[in-house]
Amino acid sequence: MNQQSATNTFSHWDKQGRYIYTLSDLSKLFPNDKPKTLKEGVNRLVKSGLLTRVGKGTYLYTHSSHSGANTIEHIAKTLRRGEYNYVSLESALSEYGAISQIPIDHLTVMTTGRKGTYKTPYGTIEFTHTKRAVSDILKNVLDVNRPLRFAKANAAWRDLKRVGRNLHLVDEKALAHD
């Protein structure tokens, strides 16, 4: 892959709303590149500033017209593609006004996938594994027209207690509106 063909490819997919890729995605976009050639090409694109590494094996098209407030959620969704993921814990409770301290650059996500923490240029993403049944998850989340679903207030509170997090900052009265 050369810089010009990569720019054209990423520009095409950006128009479709796609601007975050895994290494596997890139291998499908550039099928003529062997794995070693692909990795070398991706490293060159990162070095040139066309791509930004946002997680292990995950890249963002730097010149995307879609990058914005929800980019960190798109990154989280890509990092745990194929799993059920939803914003919960402190991030959700903060948006509900139940926690006074707002985690500006920290996104807390419950996932059926692996736990883990990723520092990205858009903030830190903290994945916490849940063993909740998919049916239970779906009953307790909202589709809020964002990349990730959002825990209902009582579900976020329940998740916070279940994983043993600090409960002292939570205003339980604010949770009564769920």
Protein backbone atom coordinates (compact mmCIF):
# COMPACT_ATOMS: atom_id res chain seq x y z
CA MET A 1 0.00 0.00 0.00
CA ASN A 2 1.28 3.43 -0.82
CA GLN A 3 0.29 6.70 0.82
CA GLN A 4 -1.94 7.86 -2.05
CA SER A 5 -3.93 4.62 -2.35
CA ALA A 6 -4.31 4.51 1.44
CA THR A 7 -5.55 8.12 1.48
CA ASN A 8 -8.08 7.36 -1.26
CA THR A 9 -9.27 4.19 0.53
CA PHE A 10 -9.65 5.90 3.92
CA SER A 11 -11.35 8.91 2.35
CA HIS A 12 -13.85 6.61 0.62
CA TRP A 13 -14.68 4.77 3.85
CA ASP A 14 -14.80 8.01 5.86
CA LYS A 15 -17.64 9.16 3.60
CA GLN A 16 -19.49 6.00 4.71
CA GLY A 17 -18.89 6.96 8.39
CA ARG A 18 -16.09 4.43 8.96
CA TYR A 19 -12.85 5.81 10.39
CA ILE A 20 -11.60 3.36 13.03
CA TYR A 21 -9.99 0.10 11.97
CA THR A 22 -8.44 -3.00 13.43
CA LEU A 23 -5.43 -4.59 11.78
CA SER A 24 -7.82 -7.27 10.51
CA ASP A 25 -10.01 -4.57 8.91
CA LEU A 26 -6.94 -3.09 7.21
CA SER A 27 -5.95 -6.49 5.83
CA LYS A 28 -9.37 -6.61 4.10
CA LEU A 29 -8.99 -3.07 2.74
CA PHE A 30 -5.55 -3.90 1.36
CA PRO A 31 -5.86 -7.58 0.39
CA ASN A 32 -2.76 -7.59 -1.83
CA ASP A 33 -0.47 -6.85 1.12
CA LYS A 34 1.05 -9.80 2.94
CA PRO A 35 0.87 -9.56 6.77
CA LYS A 36 4.44 -8.29 7.19
CA THR A 37 4.04 -5.76 4.36
CA LEU A 38 0.72 -4.60 5.84
CA LYS A 39 2.26 -4.02 9.28
CA GLU A 40 5.16 -2.09 7.76
CA GLY A 41 2.73 -0.03 5.67
CA VAL A 42 0.54 0.72 8.71
CA ASN A 43 3.63 1.80 10.68
CA ARG A 44 4.56 4.17 7.83
CA LEU A 45 1.01 5.58 7.79
CA VAL A 46 1.15 6.15 11.55
CA LYS A 47 4.55 7.83 11.21
CA SER A 48 3.25 10.07 8.40
CA GLY A 49 0.20 11.07 10.47
CA LEU A 50 -2.45 9.53 8.19
CA LEU A 51 -3.38 7.00 10.91
CA THR A 52 -3.29 7.34 14.69
CA ARG A 53 -2.76 4.27 16.86
CA VAL A 54 -5.58 4.37 19.44
CA GLY A 55 -5.14 0.92 20.98
CA LYS A 56 -3.29 -2.29 20.38
CA GLY A 57 -3.95 -3.15 16.74
CA THR A 58 -6.54 -0.36 16.40
CA TYR A 59 -6.15 2.74 14.24
CA LEU A 60 -8.06 5.94 13.52
CA TYR A 61 -8.03 7.75 10.18
CA THR A 62 -6.59 11.08 11.33
CA HIS A 63 -8.28 13.21 8.67
CA SER A 64 -11.78 11.86 9.29
CA SER A 65 -14.66 14.29 9.08
CA HIS A 66 -16.52 12.16 11.67
CA SER A 67 -14.08 12.41 14.55
CA GLY A 68 -15.71 14.19 17.48
CA ALA A 69 -17.40 13.86 20.85
CA ASN A 70 -18.33 10.19 20.38
CA THR A 71 -14.98 9.06 18.97
CA ILE A 72 -13.94 7.44 22.26
CA GLU A 73 -17.12 5.31 22.17
CA HIS A 74 -16.38 4.28 18.58
CA ILE A 75 -12.90 3.25 19.70
CA ALA A 76 -14.34 1.24 22.60
CA LYS A 77 -16.82 -0.45 20.28
CA THR A 78 -14.01 -1.40 17.89
CA LEU A 79 -11.75 -2.67 20.69
CA ARG A 80 -14.50 -5.06 21.86
CA ARG A 81 -16.23 -5.76 18.55
CA GLY A 82 -18.52 -8.78 18.72
CA GLU A 83 -19.20 -8.35 22.44
CA TYR A 84 -22.05 -6.62 24.27
CA ASN A 85 -20.73 -3.29 25.53
CA TYR A 86 -22.48 -0.43 27.26
CA VAL A 87 -21.53 2.75 29.11
CA SER A 88 -22.06 2.21 32.84
CA LEU A 89 -20.46 2.69 36.26
CA GLU A 90 -19.06 6.18 36.93
CA SER A 91 -19.47 7.44 33.34
CA ALA A 92 -23.20 6.69 33.24
CA LEU A 93 -23.85 7.81 36.82
CA SER A 94 -22.06 11.07 36.12
CA GLU A 95 -24.31 11.75 33.11
CA TYR A 96 -27.36 11.02 35.28
CA GLY A 97 -26.11 13.61 37.78
CA ALA A 98 -25.66 10.99 40.52
CA ILE A 99 -21.91 11.62 40.83
CA SER A 100 -20.70 15.17 41.22
CA GLN A 101 -17.21 14.47 39.89
CA ILE A 102 -17.39 14.19 36.12
CA PRO A 103 -14.82 11.83 34.58
CA ILE A 104 -14.01 14.01 31.55
CA ASP A 105 -11.33 11.86 29.96
CA HIS A 106 -12.34 8.46 31.34
CA LEU A 107 -15.01 6.18 29.86
CA THR A 108 -16.23 3.22 31.93
CA VAL A 109 -17.74 0.40 29.87
CA MET A 110 -19.27 -2.90 30.92
CA THR A 111 -18.50 -5.69 28.44
CA THR A 112 -19.12 -9.38 27.94
CA GLY A 113 -15.54 -9.41 26.63
CA ARG A 114 -12.19 -9.13 28.40
CA LYS A 115 -11.57 -6.51 31.05
CA GLY A 116 -8.83 -4.01 30.35
CA THR A 117 -7.78 -0.38 30.33
CA TYR A 118 -6.69 1.49 27.21
CA LYS A 119 -5.13 4.93 27.15
CA THR A 120 -6.02 6.62 23.86
CA PRO A 121 -5.47 10.14 22.53
CA TYR A 122 -9.21 10.65 23.21
CA GLY A 123 -9.16 9.53 26.83
CA THR A 124 -8.90 6.34 28.87
CA ILE A 125 -11.32 3.50 28.24
CA GLU A 126 -11.87 1.10 31.12
CA PHE A 127 -13.61 -2.17 30.27
CA THR A 128 -15.11 -4.15 33.16
CA HIS A 129 -16.26 -7.70 32.43
CA THR A 130 -19.84 -8.67 33.23
CA LYS A 131 -21.32 -12.14 33.48
CA ARG A 132 -24.87 -10.79 33.23
CA ALA A 133 -27.07 -12.61 30.72
CA VAL A 134 -27.53 -10.86 27.40
CA SER A 135 -31.30 -10.68 28.00
CA ASP A 136 -30.66 -8.91 31.33
CA ILE A 137 -28.22 -6.51 29.68
CA LEU A 138 -30.69 -5.62 26.94
CA LYS A 139 -33.49 -4.97 29.45
CA ASN A 140 -31.30 -2.56 31.40
CA VAL A 141 -29.72 -0.42 28.68
CA LEU A 142 -30.97 2.38 26.47
CA ASP A 143 -30.20 3.12 22.84
CA VAL A 144 -29.32 6.82 23.11
CA ASN A 145 -28.27 7.33 19.48
CA ARG A 146 -24.59 7.01 20.31
CA PRO A 147 -22.10 4.29 19.35
CA LEU A 148 -22.55 2.44 22.67
CA ARG A 149 -25.74 1.67 24.52
CA PHE A 150 -26.19 3.35 27.88
CA ALA A 151 -27.05 1.72 31.22
CA LYS A 152 -30.25 2.83 32.91
CA ALA A 153 -29.44 4.67 36.15
CA ASN A 154 -30.39 1.77 38.44
CA ALA A 155 -28.43 -0.68 36.27
CA ALA A 156 -25.32 1.54 36.45
CA TRP A 157 -25.75 1.73 40.25
CA ARG A 158 -26.17 -2.05 40.43
CA ASP A 159 -23.05 -2.54 38.26
CA LEU A 160 -21.07 -0.18 40.49
CA LYS A 161 -22.03 -2.14 43.61
CA ARG A 162 -21.50 -5.50 41.91
CA VAL A 163 -17.91 -4.75 40.88
CA GLY A 164 -17.01 -3.30 44.29
CA ARG A 165 -16.33 0.30 43.30
CA ASN A 166 -16.38 3.36 45.56
CA LEU A 167 -20.03 4.12 46.40
CA HIS A 168 -19.40 7.21 48.56
CA LEU A 169 -19.59 9.72 45.71
CA VAL A 170 -23.04 8.55 44.54
CA ASP A 171 -26.11 10.63 45.34
CA GLU A 172 -28.73 7.88 45.66
CA LYS A 173 -31.58 10.44 45.55
CA ALA A 174 -30.58 11.29 41.99
CA LEU A 175 -31.13 7.65 41.04
CA ALA A 176 -34.83 7.75 41.94
CA HIS A 177 -35.66 9.23 38.52
CA ASP A 178 -34.96 5.97 36.62
